[in-house]
Amino acid sequence: MIRFSWSVRAASAMAVAAMAIWIPLPSQAADEISDGQWFHTFLRTSQAQELSTGSGITVAVIDSGVDATHPDLLGSVLPGVDFTADGKGTGHLDVSGHGTGMAAIVAGHGRVRGIAPGAKILPVRVFTKPGTGRVTADSVRWAVEHGADVISISMGSGTADPAVRLAIEEAIRQNVVVVAAAGNRPEDRDVVYPAAFPGVIAVGGVGKDGELSTSSVTGHAISVAAPADGITSAGLDHRWSIGSGTSGATAIVAGAAALIRAKFPELSAAGVADRLTSTAVDKGYPGRDPQYGFGVLNLMGALTADASPSAVEPSATASPAGPSPDGSHPWVWVLAAIAVGGVLVLAFRSRRRG
């Protein structure tokens, strides 16, 4: 069963019971929109956007479609594709609001400000209402073939699809960063697919206090954590929404990947993943852990660190021990220690024979 990692909650006096119901904007809601954009202060996005806005980068949002006419997204949504039973289309139809919300977290430039307002959104519509669609190999391949630099997937399933795994592996080989939601409690018990596939940046969630969100699953596949609770974004009918879950956290990390790609155009997809994970603020026990992965997203660190970019498998898929403080991996030091020990043993035996 496909699950979606964005749950809308009540705001002000208005009861919101389901993901597909979005909050209208009464006159008193302006402050609420600002309150739900707390992640900008948390991540210091104003400073980060002085270094990069994501200009020139295309983020494919595999979701429920994106309303290209929403005032927060005008001019930012490219013609996309519709893989649903509605028929062929541009991906600009969204009857759920989920995809529009994720797109605005990535690239909004109105009342809702995205992480990468200079990026373009490529909508890939794979479902109409929750439970009516899934990520497919064709949807991933289409995004790659049509210029995606980053793919953002805020949905998942407890069942691994081998065809989707192959499509994602090919996307990464073609230098596309793939970011996906880890999943939400209580529905999910472990990291869902495609987030759990190797090479995917699996995103968990934290609250305003920087601690693990109660909505976020845990698991060894998690790569990094990002703000997930009480996030405001664009909604249906040119209105706005507020929700919690790793869907929003995923869109935030996808936006961060767009900022990095724009600032460091020479970086491989693996290098982008390495910057995201190696600069994350470590939480939980030292190194990679099932709650926060390598740590909480550090936007400014990812854009300013002098760490050399990785040209091989990203640290997002490294062993749970994670990289050492200097950026190298623990097994390098183990091998070095074994080699040095071997040399010392041989030298000692040679001296005894002498």
Protein backbone atom coordinates (compact mmCIF):
# COMPACT_ATOMS: atom_id res chain seq x y z
CA MET A 1 0.00 0.00 0.00
CA ILE A 2 1.27 3.45 -0.91
CA ARG A 3 1.49 5.93 1.94
CA PHE A 4 2.01 9.65 1.86
CA SER A 5 4.26 11.41 4.31
CA TRP A 6 2.27 14.60 4.85
CA SER A 7 -0.53 14.85 7.34
CA VAL A 8 -2.52 18.03 7.68
CA ARG A 9 -3.47 19.07 11.21
CA ALA A 10 -5.83 21.63 12.70
CA ALA A 11 -4.85 25.29 12.58
CA SER A 12 -6.37 28.12 14.63
CA ALA A 13 -10.01 27.24 15.19
CA MET A 14 -10.35 25.41 11.89
CA ALA A 15 -10.50 21.63 12.09
CA VAL A 16 -8.51 19.86 9.39
CA ALA A 17 -8.90 16.12 9.34
CA ALA A 18 -7.23 14.81 6.20
CA MET A 19 -4.42 15.46 3.79
CA ALA A 20 -6.77 16.44 0.98
CA ILE A 21 -8.48 19.18 3.01
CA TRP A 22 -6.57 22.45 2.90
CA ILE A 23 -6.88 25.48 5.08
CA PRO A 24 -8.56 28.58 3.55
CA LEU A 25 -6.86 31.87 4.23
CA PRO A 26 -9.04 33.96 6.55
CA SER A 27 -7.79 37.40 7.43
CA GLN A 28 -6.19 36.21 10.67
CA ALA A 29 -4.23 33.44 8.93
CA ALA A 30 -1.40 35.62 7.64
CA ASP A 31 0.57 35.20 10.85
CA GLU A 32 -0.13 31.48 10.80
CA ILE A 33 1.52 31.17 7.40
CA SER A 34 4.58 32.95 8.78
CA ASP A 35 4.59 30.77 11.90
CA GLY A 36 4.61 27.66 9.76
CA GLN A 37 7.65 28.93 7.91
CA TRP A 38 9.76 28.58 11.07
CA PHE A 39 12.17 26.32 9.23
CA HIS A 40 13.68 29.35 7.47
CA THR A 41 15.01 30.72 10.75
CA PHE A 42 15.99 27.23 11.87
CA LEU A 43 18.03 26.67 8.68
CA ARG A 44 19.18 30.28 8.15
CA THR A 45 17.82 30.21 4.62
CA SER A 46 18.05 33.98 4.15
CA GLN A 47 21.82 33.75 4.53
CA ALA A 48 21.94 30.61 2.39
CA GLN A 49 20.00 32.28 -0.41
CA GLU A 50 22.61 35.03 -0.55
CA LEU A 51 24.96 32.27 -1.74
CA SER A 52 22.52 30.39 -3.97
CA THR A 53 18.86 30.48 -4.96
CA GLY A 54 18.86 27.27 -6.99
CA SER A 55 18.74 29.20 -10.27
CA GLY A 56 19.22 26.96 -13.30
CA ILE A 57 18.28 23.80 -11.40
CA THR A 58 15.25 21.63 -12.17
CA VAL A 59 13.57 19.69 -9.35
CA ALA A 60 11.17 16.95 -10.41
CA VAL A 61 8.35 16.51 -7.91
CA ILE A 62 6.87 13.01 -8.28
CA ASP A 63 3.53 13.49 -6.59
CA SER A 64 -0.09 14.51 -7.21
CA GLY A 65 0.67 17.20 -9.78
CA VAL A 66 1.41 20.88 -9.21
CA ASP A 67 -0.94 23.84 -9.66
CA ALA A 68 1.18 26.09 -11.87
CA THR A 69 -1.26 28.98 -11.37
CA HIS A 70 -0.79 29.21 -7.60
CA PRO A 71 0.51 32.72 -6.81
CA ASP A 72 3.45 31.31 -4.85
CA LEU A 73 4.60 29.26 -7.86
CA LEU A 74 3.84 31.46 -10.87
CA GLY A 75 6.59 31.15 -13.45
CA SER A 76 8.33 28.33 -11.60
CA VAL A 77 6.49 25.26 -12.91
CA LEU A 78 7.56 23.63 -16.16
CA PRO A 79 5.32 21.47 -18.37
CA GLY A 80 5.37 18.03 -16.83
CA VAL A 81 3.59 14.72 -17.32
CA ASP A 82 0.53 12.87 -16.03
CA PHE A 83 0.83 9.12 -15.45
CA THR A 84 -2.60 8.81 -13.81
CA ALA A 85 -5.83 7.45 -15.27
CA ASP A 86 -6.92 11.05 -15.94
CA GLY A 87 -5.04 10.80 -19.18
CA LYS A 88 -2.18 12.64 -20.77
CA GLY A 89 -1.49 16.08 -19.39
CA THR A 90 1.18 18.49 -18.25
CA GLY A 91 1.08 17.52 -14.59
CA HIS A 92 -0.45 20.91 -13.72
CA LEU A 93 -3.68 19.40 -12.38
CA ASP A 94 -3.68 18.74 -8.64
CA VAL A 95 -6.88 17.68 -6.91
CA SER A 96 -5.10 16.57 -3.73
CA GLY A 97 -2.93 19.62 -3.07
CA HIS A 98 -0.05 17.47 -1.84
CA GLY A 99 2.19 18.00 -4.86
CA THR A 100 1.52 21.74 -4.91
CA GLY A 101 2.46 21.92 -1.25
CA MET A 102 5.73 20.06 -1.82
CA ALA A 103 6.60 22.17 -4.85
CA ALA A 104 6.13 25.41 -2.89
CA ILE A 105 8.40 24.20 -0.09
CA VAL A 106 11.06 23.66 -2.73
CA ALA A 107 10.62 26.77 -4.87
CA GLY A 108 7.84 29.01 -3.53
CA HIS A 109 8.34 32.76 -3.87
CA GLY A 110 5.23 34.34 -2.37
CA ARG A 111 3.62 34.10 1.05
CA VAL A 112 5.18 30.68 1.17
CA ARG A 113 8.92 30.94 0.57
CA GLY A 114 10.73 27.88 -0.64
CA ILE A 115 14.27 26.78 0.08
CA ALA A 116 15.34 27.30 -3.54
CA PRO A 117 13.11 30.03 -5.03
CA GLY A 118 15.22 30.22 -8.18
CA ALA A 119 14.71 26.55 -9.08
CA LYS A 120 12.18 25.23 -11.58
CA ILE A 121 9.63 22.54 -10.75
CA LEU A 122 9.03 19.61 -13.11
CA PRO A 123 5.71 18.01 -12.05
CA VAL A 124 5.39 14.25 -12.50
CA ARG A 125 1.83 13.30 -11.59
CA VAL A 126 1.45 9.72 -10.37
CA PHE A 127 -1.66 9.90 -8.17
CA THR A 128 -4.88 11.86 -7.85
CA LYS A 129 -6.01 11.13 -4.30
CA PRO A 130 -4.09 9.31 -1.55
CA GLY A 131 -3.83 5.60 -2.21
CA THR A 132 -4.62 5.86 -5.93
CA GLY A 133 -1.11 5.74 -7.38
CA ARG A 134 2.53 4.94 -6.82
CA VAL A 135 6.04 5.81 -7.83
CA THR A 136 6.88 3.87 -11.00
CA ALA A 137 10.05 3.20 -12.92
CA ASP A 138 8.55 5.13 -15.85
CA SER A 139 7.95 8.21 -13.68
CA VAL A 140 11.56 8.22 -12.51
CA ARG A 141 12.95 7.68 -16.02
CA TRP A 142 10.71 10.40 -17.46
CA ALA A 143 12.03 12.89 -14.91
CA VAL A 144 15.62 12.04 -15.79
CA GLU A 145 14.97 12.17 -19.54
CA HIS A 146 13.37 15.61 -19.22
CA GLY A 147 16.17 17.36 -17.42
CA ALA A 148 15.70 16.80 -13.68
CA ASP A 149 18.78 17.64 -11.62
CA VAL A 150 17.02 16.59 -8.41
CA ILE A 151 14.09 14.22 -7.91
CA SER A 152 11.89 14.74 -4.84
CA ILE A 153 9.60 11.90 -3.75
CA SER A 154 7.35 12.57 -0.74
CA MET A 155 5.61 9.21 -0.77
CA GLY A 156 6.52 5.59 -0.31
CA SER A 157 5.55 1.99 0.26
CA GLY A 158 6.60 -0.82 2.55
CA THR A 159 7.15 -3.00 -0.51
CA ALA A 160 10.27 -2.71 -2.64
CA ASP A 161 9.72 -2.50 -6.41
CA PRO A 162 12.79 -3.88 -8.24
CA ALA A 163 11.97 -1.89 -11.38
CA VAL A 164 11.88 1.37 -9.40
CA ARG A 165 15.18 0.48 -7.76
CA LEU A 166 16.80 -0.04 -11.16
CA ALA A 167 15.38 3.25 -12.46
CA ILE A 168 16.73 5.11 -9.41
CA GLU A 169 20.15 3.48 -9.77
CA GLU A 170 20.22 4.62 -13.40
CA ALA A 171 19.14 8.13 -12.37
CA ILE A 172 22.02 8.38 -9.91
CA ARG A 173 24.44 7.09 -12.57
CA GLN A 174 23.18 9.89 -14.80
CA ASN A 175 24.07 12.38 -12.05
CA VAL A 176 20.59 13.02 -10.66
CA VAL A 177 20.12 13.49 -6.91
CA VAL A 178 17.22 11.43 -5.58
CA VAL A 179 15.58 12.49 -2.28
CA ALA A 180 12.71 10.56 -0.69
CA ALA A 181 10.60 10.57 2.48
CA ALA A 182 11.51 8.03 5.15
CA GLY A 183 7.89 7.61 6.23
CA ASN A 184 5.58 8.53 9.11
CA ARG A 185 4.52 6.94 12.35
CA PRO A 186 2.27 5.25 13.28
CA GLU A 187 1.54 3.86 9.81
CA ASP A 188 5.16 3.07 8.99
CA ARG A 189 7.43 1.00 11.21
CA ASP A 190 10.62 1.34 9.19
CA VAL A 191 11.98 3.43 6.33
CA VAL A 192 9.75 2.99 3.30
CA TYR A 193 10.69 2.55 -0.37
CA PRO A 194 12.07 4.20 -2.44
CA ALA A 195 13.79 6.01 0.46
CA ALA A 196 15.26 2.71 1.66
CA PHE A 197 16.95 1.97 -1.67
CA PRO A 198 20.76 2.42 -1.78
CA GLY A 199 21.88 5.80 -3.06
CA VAL A 200 18.64 7.59 -2.17
CA ILE A 201 18.85 10.42 0.37
CA ALA A 202 16.28 9.18 2.90
CA VAL A 203 14.86 12.05 4.95
CA GLY A 204 13.62 11.87 8.53
CA GLY A 205 12.01 14.69 10.47
CA VAL A 206 12.68 16.97 13.44
CA GLY A 207 10.52 19.44 15.33
CA LYS A 208 11.10 23.08 16.17
CA ASP A 209 13.39 22.06 19.02
CA GLY A 210 15.66 20.14 16.67
CA GLU A 211 14.70 16.84 18.26
CA LEU A 212 13.21 13.84 16.47
CA SER A 213 9.65 14.49 15.31
CA THR A 214 7.02 12.17 16.73
CA SER A 215 5.73 11.73 13.18
CA SER A 216 9.04 10.48 11.75
CA VAL A 217 9.94 6.82 11.42
CA THR A 218 13.40 5.65 12.43
CA GLY A 219 15.67 3.19 10.68
CA HIS A 220 19.25 2.59 9.60
CA ALA A 221 18.50 3.77 6.04
CA ILE A 222 17.87 7.38 7.14
CA SER A 223 20.47 9.74 5.71
CA VAL A 224 19.58 13.14 7.16
CA ALA A 225 16.78 14.82 9.12
CA ALA A 226 15.04 18.14 8.40
CA PRO A 227 12.16 20.25 9.79
CA ALA A 228 8.89 18.34 9.59
CA ASP A 229 6.37 19.69 12.13
CA GLY A 230 3.77 22.37 11.47
CA ILE A 231 5.06 23.39 8.04
CA THR A 232 2.96 25.81 5.99
CA SER A 233 2.86 25.64 2.22
CA ALA A 234 0.70 26.26 -0.82
CA GLY A 235 -2.62 24.44 -1.08
CA LEU A 236 -5.68 23.97 -3.23
CA ASP A 237 -7.64 26.79 -4.84
CA HIS A 238 -4.78 29.30 -4.46
CA ARG A 239 -4.94 28.91 -0.70
CA TRP A 240 -2.48 27.59 1.87
CA SER A 241 -2.02 24.55 4.06
CA ILE A 242 -0.28 23.39 7.18
CA GLY A 243 0.96 19.88 7.81
CA SER A 244 3.48 17.63 9.51
CA GLY A 245 5.48 14.67 8.27
CA THR A 246 8.57 13.65 6.37
CA SER A 247 6.97 14.81 3.11
CA GLY A 248 7.72 18.43 3.99
CA ALA A 249 11.16 17.51 5.31
CA THR A 250 11.92 15.79 2.00
CA ALA A 251 10.93 18.87 0.00
CA ILE A 252 13.22 20.95 2.23
CA VAL A 253 16.18 18.64 1.56
CA ALA A 254 15.38 18.59 -2.16
CA GLY A 255 15.50 22.39 -2.09
CA ALA A 256 18.83 22.22 -0.27
CA ALA A 257 20.16 19.89 -2.96
CA ALA A 258 19.08 22.44 -5.59
CA LEU A 259 20.99 25.20 -3.79
CA ILE A 260 24.12 23.04 -3.70
CA ARG A 261 23.82 22.04 -7.36
CA ALA A 262 23.50 25.67 -8.40
CA LYS A 263 26.48 26.80 -6.31
CA PHE A 264 28.69 23.83 -7.19
CA PRO A 265 27.69 22.86 -10.75
CA GLU A 266 30.72 20.60 -11.08
CA LEU A 267 29.59 18.34 -8.23
CA SER A 268 28.32 14.86 -8.98
CA ALA A 269 25.08 13.61 -7.46
CA ALA A 270 27.23 11.68 -5.00
CA GLY A 271 29.10 14.87 -4.16
CA VAL A 272 25.84 16.70 -3.41
CA ALA A 273 24.72 13.86 -1.15
CA ASP A 274 28.11 13.93 0.57
CA ARG A 275 27.83 17.65 1.29
CA LEU A 276 24.36 17.19 2.75
CA THR A 277 25.39 14.34 5.03
CA SER A 278 28.96 15.26 5.96
CA THR A 279 27.98 18.77 7.10
CA ALA A 280 24.82 17.72 8.97
CA VAL A 281 24.70 18.55 12.69
CA ASP A 282 25.24 15.27 14.50
CA LYS A 283 22.42 14.23 16.83
CA GLY A 284 21.73 11.10 18.82
CA TYR A 285 24.75 8.91 19.41
CA PRO A 286 27.94 9.86 17.53
CA GLY A 287 27.96 9.09 13.83
CA ARG A 288 25.08 7.76 11.82
CA ASP A 289 22.09 6.61 13.83
CA PRO A 290 18.54 5.40 13.08
CA GLN A 291 16.90 8.58 14.37
CA TYR A 292 18.75 11.36 12.53
CA GLY A 293 20.95 9.55 10.03
CA PHE A 294 24.14 11.58 9.80
CA GLY A 295 22.41 14.49 11.54
CA VAL A 296 20.11 17.46 11.04
CA LEU A 297 20.37 19.42 7.80
CA ASN A 298 22.91 22.26 8.03
CA LEU A 299 22.13 24.46 5.04
CA MET A 300 24.92 26.99 5.51
CA GLY A 301 27.43 24.26 6.24
CA ALA A 302 26.51 22.42 3.06
CA LEU A 303 27.04 25.60 1.03
CA THR A 304 30.25 26.80 2.67
CA ALA A 305 32.19 23.73 3.86
CA ASP A 306 35.61 23.14 2.37
CA ALA A 307 35.07 19.38 2.40
CA SER A 308 36.21 17.88 -0.87
CA PRO A 309 33.30 16.53 -2.92
CA SER A 310 32.93 12.77 -3.14
CA ALA A 311 33.20 11.29 -6.62
CA VAL A 312 32.05 7.83 -5.57
CA GLU A 313 29.12 6.36 -3.63
CA PRO A 314 27.60 9.10 -1.43
CA SER A 315 27.99 8.89 2.30
CA ALA A 316 24.20 8.68 2.39
CA THR A 317 24.63 4.99 1.64
CA ALA A 318 27.70 4.39 3.77
CA SER A 319 27.87 2.01 6.69
CA PRO A 320 26.01 3.12 9.83
CA ALA A 321 29.32 4.08 11.46
CA GLY A 322 29.55 7.02 9.02
CA PRO A 323 32.55 9.18 8.14
CA SER A 324 35.31 10.14 10.54
CA PRO A 325 35.62 13.79 11.61
CA ASP A 326 38.10 14.47 8.80
CA GLY A 327 35.66 13.14 6.20
CA SER A 328 37.29 9.74 5.60
CA HIS A 329 35.48 6.49 6.32
CA PRO A 330 36.25 4.22 9.26
CA TRP A 331 37.24 1.25 7.12
CA VAL A 332 40.10 3.29 5.64
CA TRP A 333 41.60 3.68 9.09
CA VAL A 334 41.04 0.01 9.89
CA LEU A 335 42.93 -1.07 6.78
CA ALA A 336 45.69 1.42 7.50
CA ALA A 337 46.03 0.13 11.06
CA ILE A 338 46.22 -3.47 9.83
CA ALA A 339 48.89 -2.54 7.31
CA VAL A 340 51.00 -0.68 9.87
CA GLY A 341 50.64 -3.54 12.34
CA GLY A 342 51.79 -6.03 9.71
CA VAL A 343 54.88 -3.97 8.95
CA LEU A 344 55.77 -3.74 12.66
CA VAL A 345 55.36 -7.51 13.15
CA LEU A 346 57.64 -8.27 10.19
CA ALA A 347 60.22 -5.78 11.43
CA PHE A 348 60.18 -7.30 14.92
CA ARG A 349 60.63 -10.84 13.58
CA SER A 350 63.45 -9.67 11.32
CA ARG A 351 65.26 -8.14 14.31
CA ARG A 352 64.89 -11.34 16.35
CA ARG A 353 66.34 -13.41 13.50
CA GLY A 354 69.19 -10.90 13.23
